[in-house]
Amino acid sequence: MMQVSKRIPFDDPQTLLLVRAGYVLSNLVIIGIYAYVHFVINKKKGMAFPHSPTVIWAFSTNAGSYLQT
């Protein structure tokens, strides 16, 4: 990678912009893959939306007194 980076003209603003855009795009692809895999795993567990407000409320510290009948 060091040899490749020496050949890329980072002094050129256009090249620098393309490298930065590639970096952002690669991070967005990684986040998308992570979110998809996370969703598929939770769907198989039966927890398609584990952070819904009802679930958060049920596990909050103040919900204990409301859940007792």
Protein backbone atom coordinates (compact mmCIF):
# COMPACT_ATOMS: atom_id res chain seq x y z
CA MET A 1 0.00 0.00 0.00
CA MET A 2 2.87 2.38 0.65
CA GLN A 3 4.15 1.92 -2.92
CA VAL A 4 0.65 2.52 -4.30
CA SER A 5 0.14 5.61 -2.16
CA LYS A 6 3.42 7.08 -3.41
CA ARG A 7 2.17 6.84 -6.99
CA ILE A 8 -1.18 8.56 -6.31
CA PRO A 9 -0.89 12.35 -6.66
CA PHE A 10 -2.53 13.52 -3.44
CA ASP A 11 -1.50 17.09 -4.26
CA ASP A 12 -4.22 17.21 -6.93
CA PRO A 13 -7.52 18.42 -5.38
CA GLN A 14 -9.58 16.28 -7.78
CA THR A 15 -7.71 13.11 -6.81
CA LEU A 16 -8.01 13.93 -3.12
CA LEU A 17 -11.76 14.47 -3.51
CA LEU A 18 -12.16 11.10 -5.27
CA VAL A 19 -10.16 9.30 -2.58
CA ARG A 20 -12.27 10.88 0.17
CA ALA A 21 -15.49 10.01 -1.67
CA GLY A 22 -14.29 6.41 -2.05
CA TYR A 23 -13.56 6.24 1.67
CA VAL A 24 -17.03 7.53 2.58
CA LEU A 25 -18.67 5.16 0.09
CA SER A 26 -16.78 2.17 1.47
CA ASN A 27 -17.89 3.04 5.01
CA LEU A 28 -21.51 3.35 3.88
CA VAL A 29 -21.32 -0.07 2.22
CA ILE A 30 -19.87 -1.58 5.41
CA ILE A 31 -22.62 0.00 7.54
CA GLY A 32 -25.26 -1.27 5.11
CA ILE A 33 -23.93 -4.83 5.22
CA TYR A 34 -23.77 -4.69 9.02
CA ALA A 35 -27.34 -3.39 9.29
CA TYR A 36 -28.64 -6.06 6.88
CA VAL A 37 -26.91 -8.90 8.74
CA HIS A 38 -28.07 -7.50 12.09
CA PHE A 39 -31.67 -7.32 10.83
CA VAL A 40 -31.57 -10.89 9.43
CA ILE A 41 -30.18 -12.29 12.68
CA ASN A 42 -32.77 -10.49 14.79
CA LYS A 43 -35.56 -11.56 12.44
CA LYS A 44 -34.57 -15.21 12.89
CA LYS A 45 -34.58 -14.70 16.65
CA GLY A 46 -38.07 -13.23 16.43
CA MET A 47 -36.85 -9.76 17.28
CA ALA A 48 -37.26 -7.89 14.00
CA PHE A 49 -37.36 -4.50 15.74
CA PRO A 50 -35.70 -5.02 19.12
CA HIS A 51 -35.46 -1.34 19.99
CA SER A 52 -39.12 -0.42 19.65
CA PRO A 53 -40.46 2.01 22.29
CA THR A 54 -42.53 -0.75 23.95
CA VAL A 55 -39.46 -2.93 24.50
CA ILE A 56 -37.43 0.00 25.80
CA TRP A 57 -40.25 1.00 28.17
CA ALA A 58 -40.70 -2.58 29.43
CA PHE A 59 -37.03 -2.86 30.39
CA SER A 60 -36.64 0.60 31.88
CA THR A 61 -36.16 0.93 35.63
CA ASN A 62 -39.49 2.71 36.21
CA ALA A 63 -41.58 0.15 34.33
CA GLY A 64 -41.32 -2.45 37.11
CA SER A 65 -44.05 -0.93 39.23
CA TYR A 66 -46.40 -0.54 36.25
CA LEU A 67 -45.95 -4.14 35.09
CA GLN A 68 -46.92 -5.69 38.42
CA THR A 69 -50.61 -6.54 38.74
